[in-house]
């Protein structure tokens, strides 16, 4: 069984190694950024080269390159709250269902 002082020494050694690795990563990242700036390369171009999706813009594009359309409203209450029927049901609809109303009552 290891003593607490031995474990503490191992932790200190690992923390020192982690700091060294962090500094090395920082140097590599700075070098990459310098190269990107020198060659006028954007982060989105790097993402595309890596096969990852771009993060610019709110509307995601479908395979055709056109922005996705927002889902049509399927449910609406008297106060103007709406829900497309996708994802988790909104609070206003869950509260109405608790009060005995049916989801079909709000169908558009």
C-alpha atoms as a PDB file:
ATOM      1  CA  UNK A   1       0.000   0.000   0.000  1.00  0.00           C
ATOM      2  CA  UNK A   2       1.320   3.434  -0.950  1.00  0.00           C
ATOM      3  CA  UNK A   3       1.702   6.159   1.596  1.00  0.00           C
ATOM      4  CA  UNK A   4      -0.017   9.539   1.197  1.00  0.00           C
ATOM      5  CA  UNK A   5       3.366  11.233   0.693  1.00  0.00           C
ATOM      6  CA  UNK A   6       4.231   8.871  -2.180  1.00  0.00           C
ATOM      7  CA  UNK A   7       0.874   9.540  -3.830  1.00  0.00           C
ATOM      8  CA  UNK A   8       1.297  13.301  -3.338  1.00  0.00           C
ATOM      9  CA  UNK A   9       4.738  13.130  -4.979  1.00  0.00           C
ATOM     10  CA  UNK A  10       3.275  11.231  -7.937  1.00  0.00           C
ATOM     11  CA  UNK A  11       0.500  13.805  -8.281  1.00  0.00           C
ATOM     12  CA  UNK A  12       3.033  16.660  -8.234  1.00  0.00           C
ATOM     13  CA  UNK A  13       5.117  14.911 -10.899  1.00  0.00           C
ATOM     14  CA  UNK A  14       2.053  14.343 -13.118  1.00  0.00           C
ATOM     15  CA  UNK A  15       0.953  17.965 -12.722  1.00  0.00           C
ATOM     16  CA  UNK A  16       4.414  19.135 -13.799  1.00  0.00           C
ATOM     17  CA  UNK A  17       4.271  16.878 -16.864  1.00  0.00           C
ATOM     18  CA  UNK A  18       0.787  18.173 -17.692  1.00  0.00           C
ATOM     19  CA  UNK A  19       2.026  21.782 -17.564  1.00  0.00           C
ATOM     20  CA  UNK A  20       4.916  20.917 -19.904  1.00  0.00           C
ATOM     21  CA  UNK A  21       2.547  19.271 -22.361  1.00  0.00           C
ATOM     22  CA  UNK A  22       0.222  22.277 -22.164  1.00  0.00           C
ATOM     23  CA  UNK A  23       3.084  24.626 -23.022  1.00  0.00           C
ATOM     24  CA  UNK A  24       4.117  22.412 -25.950  1.00  0.00           C
ATOM     25  CA  UNK A  25       0.519  22.418 -27.240  1.00  0.00           C
ATOM     26  CA  UNK A  26       0.385  26.191 -26.960  1.00  0.00           C
ATOM     27  CA  UNK A  27       3.556  26.540 -29.030  1.00  0.00           C
ATOM     28  CA  UNK A  28       2.149  24.222 -31.700  1.00  0.00           C
ATOM     29  CA  UNK A  29      -1.184  26.081 -31.767  1.00  0.00           C
ATOM     30  CA  UNK A  30       0.573  29.442 -32.145  1.00  0.00           C
ATOM     31  CA  UNK A  31       2.643  28.024 -35.016  1.00  0.00           C
ATOM     32  CA  UNK A  32      -0.487  26.730 -36.729  1.00  0.00           C
ATOM     33  CA  UNK A  33      -2.229  30.102 -36.349  1.00  0.00           C
ATOM     34  CA  UNK A  34       0.802  31.900 -37.817  1.00  0.00           C
ATOM     35  CA  UNK A  35       0.791  29.542 -40.801  1.00  0.00           C
ATOM     36  CA  UNK A  36      -2.960  29.990 -41.280  1.00  0.00           C
ATOM     37  CA  UNK A  37      -2.554  33.776 -41.234  1.00  0.00           C
ATOM     38  CA  UNK A  38       0.413  33.643 -43.610  1.00  0.00           C
ATOM     39  CA  UNK A  39      -1.558  31.591 -46.139  1.00  0.00           C
ATOM     40  CA  UNK A  40      -4.937  33.273 -45.516  1.00  0.00           C
ATOM     41  CA  UNK A  41      -6.603  30.038 -44.353  1.00  0.00           C
ATOM     42  CA  UNK A  42      -9.808  30.254 -42.322  1.00  0.00           C
ATOM     43  CA  UNK A  43     -10.943  27.942 -39.559  1.00  0.00           C
ATOM     44  CA  UNK A  44     -13.881  26.860 -41.714  1.00  0.00           C
ATOM     45  CA  UNK A  45     -11.488  25.746 -44.453  1.00  0.00           C
ATOM     46  CA  UNK A  46      -9.620  23.646 -41.897  1.00  0.00           C
ATOM     47  CA  UNK A  47     -12.901  22.166 -40.667  1.00  0.00           C
ATOM     48  CA  UNK A  48     -13.893  21.265 -44.227  1.00  0.00           C
ATOM     49  CA  UNK A  49     -10.502  19.671 -44.846  1.00  0.00           C
ATOM     50  CA  UNK A  50     -10.993  17.609 -41.685  1.00  0.00           C
ATOM     51  CA  UNK A  51     -14.497  16.605 -42.770  1.00  0.00           C
ATOM     52  CA  UNK A  52     -16.245  18.612 -40.057  1.00  0.00           C
ATOM     53  CA  UNK A  53     -19.185  20.949 -40.479  1.00  0.00           C
ATOM     54  CA  UNK A  54     -18.783  24.710 -40.563  1.00  0.00           C
ATOM     55  CA  UNK A  55     -20.068  26.700 -37.601  1.00  0.00           C
ATOM     56  CA  UNK A  56     -20.876  29.947 -39.393  1.00  0.00           C
ATOM     57  CA  UNK A  57     -24.465  31.079 -39.801  1.00  0.00           C
ATOM     58  CA  UNK A  58     -27.540  29.950 -37.912  1.00  0.00           C
ATOM     59  CA  UNK A  59     -29.321  28.006 -40.641  1.00  0.00           C
ATOM     60  CA  UNK A  60     -27.656  24.730 -41.417  1.00  0.00           C
ATOM     61  CA  UNK A  61     -27.431  23.788 -45.049  1.00  0.00           C
ATOM     62  CA  UNK A  62     -28.821  20.588 -46.445  1.00  0.00           C
ATOM     63  CA  UNK A  63     -26.909  18.395 -48.894  1.00  0.00           C
ATOM     64  CA  UNK A  64     -28.198  20.572 -51.740  1.00  0.00           C
ATOM     65  CA  UNK A  65     -26.426  23.631 -50.312  1.00  0.00           C
ATOM     66  CA  UNK A  66     -29.676  25.448 -49.527  1.00  0.00           C
ATOM     67  CA  UNK A  67     -30.551  26.529 -45.971  1.00  0.00           C
ATOM     68  CA  UNK A  68     -32.990  24.290 -44.135  1.00  0.00           C
ATOM     69  CA  UNK A  69     -36.523  25.537 -43.829  1.00  0.00           C
ATOM     70  CA  UNK A  70     -37.987  25.998 -40.381  1.00  0.00           C
ATOM     71  CA  UNK A  71     -40.615  23.455 -39.389  1.00  0.00           C
ATOM     72  CA  UNK A  72     -44.239  24.407 -39.918  1.00  0.00           C
ATOM     73  CA  UNK A  73     -46.358  25.241 -36.870  1.00  0.00           C
ATOM     74  CA  UNK A  74     -48.601  22.321 -35.866  1.00  0.00           C
ATOM     75  CA  UNK A  75     -49.902  23.547 -32.493  1.00  0.00           C
ATOM     76  CA  UNK A  76     -51.001  27.014 -31.313  1.00  0.00           C
ATOM     77  CA  UNK A  77     -52.754  28.264 -28.191  1.00  0.00           C
ATOM     78  CA  UNK A  78     -54.978  31.310 -27.676  1.00  0.00           C
ATOM     79  CA  UNK A  79     -52.020  33.393 -26.447  1.00  0.00           C
ATOM     80  CA  UNK A  80     -50.067  32.875 -29.671  1.00  0.00           C
ATOM     81  CA  UNK A  81     -47.608  30.275 -28.372  1.00  0.00           C
ATOM     82  CA  UNK A  82     -46.642  27.832 -31.099  1.00  0.00           C
ATOM     83  CA  UNK A  83     -44.905  24.485 -31.461  1.00  0.00           C
ATOM     84  CA  UNK A  84     -43.842  22.587 -34.567  1.00  0.00           C
ATOM     85  CA  UNK A  85     -44.331  19.182 -32.988  1.00  0.00           C
ATOM     86  CA  UNK A  86     -40.601  18.499 -33.055  1.00  0.00           C
ATOM     87  CA  UNK A  87     -38.520  17.957 -29.959  1.00  0.00           C
ATOM     88  CA  UNK A  88     -39.759  18.187 -26.413  1.00  0.00           C
ATOM     89  CA  UNK A  89     -43.240  19.605 -25.909  1.00  0.00           C
ATOM     90  CA  UNK A  90     -43.200  23.210 -24.636  1.00  0.00           C
ATOM     91  CA  UNK A  91     -44.229  24.106 -21.102  1.00  0.00           C
ATOM     92  CA  UNK A  92     -47.441  25.829 -22.152  1.00  0.00           C
ATOM     93  CA  UNK A  93     -48.641  22.644 -23.874  1.00  0.00           C
ATOM     94  CA  UNK A  94     -47.607  20.340 -21.042  1.00  0.00           C
ATOM     95  CA  UNK A  95     -49.422  22.596 -18.539  1.00  0.00           C
ATOM     96  CA  UNK A  96     -52.572  22.551 -20.677  1.00  0.00           C
ATOM     97  CA  UNK A  97     -52.426  18.756 -20.895  1.00  0.00           C
ATOM     98  CA  UNK A  98     -52.087  18.557 -17.105  1.00  0.00           C
ATOM     99  CA  UNK A  99     -55.256  20.658 -16.846  1.00  0.00           C
ATOM    100  CA  UNK A 100     -57.171  18.081 -18.892  1.00  0.00           C
ATOM    101  CA  UNK A 101     -56.940  19.548 -22.387  1.00  0.00           C
ATOM    102  CA  UNK A 102     -55.892  17.369 -25.281  1.00  0.00           C
ATOM    103  CA  UNK A 103     -53.042  18.053 -27.677  1.00  0.00           C
ATOM    104  CA  UNK A 104     -55.508  17.805 -30.563  1.00  0.00           C
ATOM    105  CA  UNK A 105     -57.321  20.884 -29.174  1.00  0.00           C
ATOM    106  CA  UNK A 106     -54.295  22.987 -30.153  1.00  0.00           C
ATOM    107  CA  UNK A 107     -53.755  21.537 -33.639  1.00  0.00           C
ATOM    108  CA  UNK A 108     -53.558  24.151 -36.401  1.00  0.00           C
END
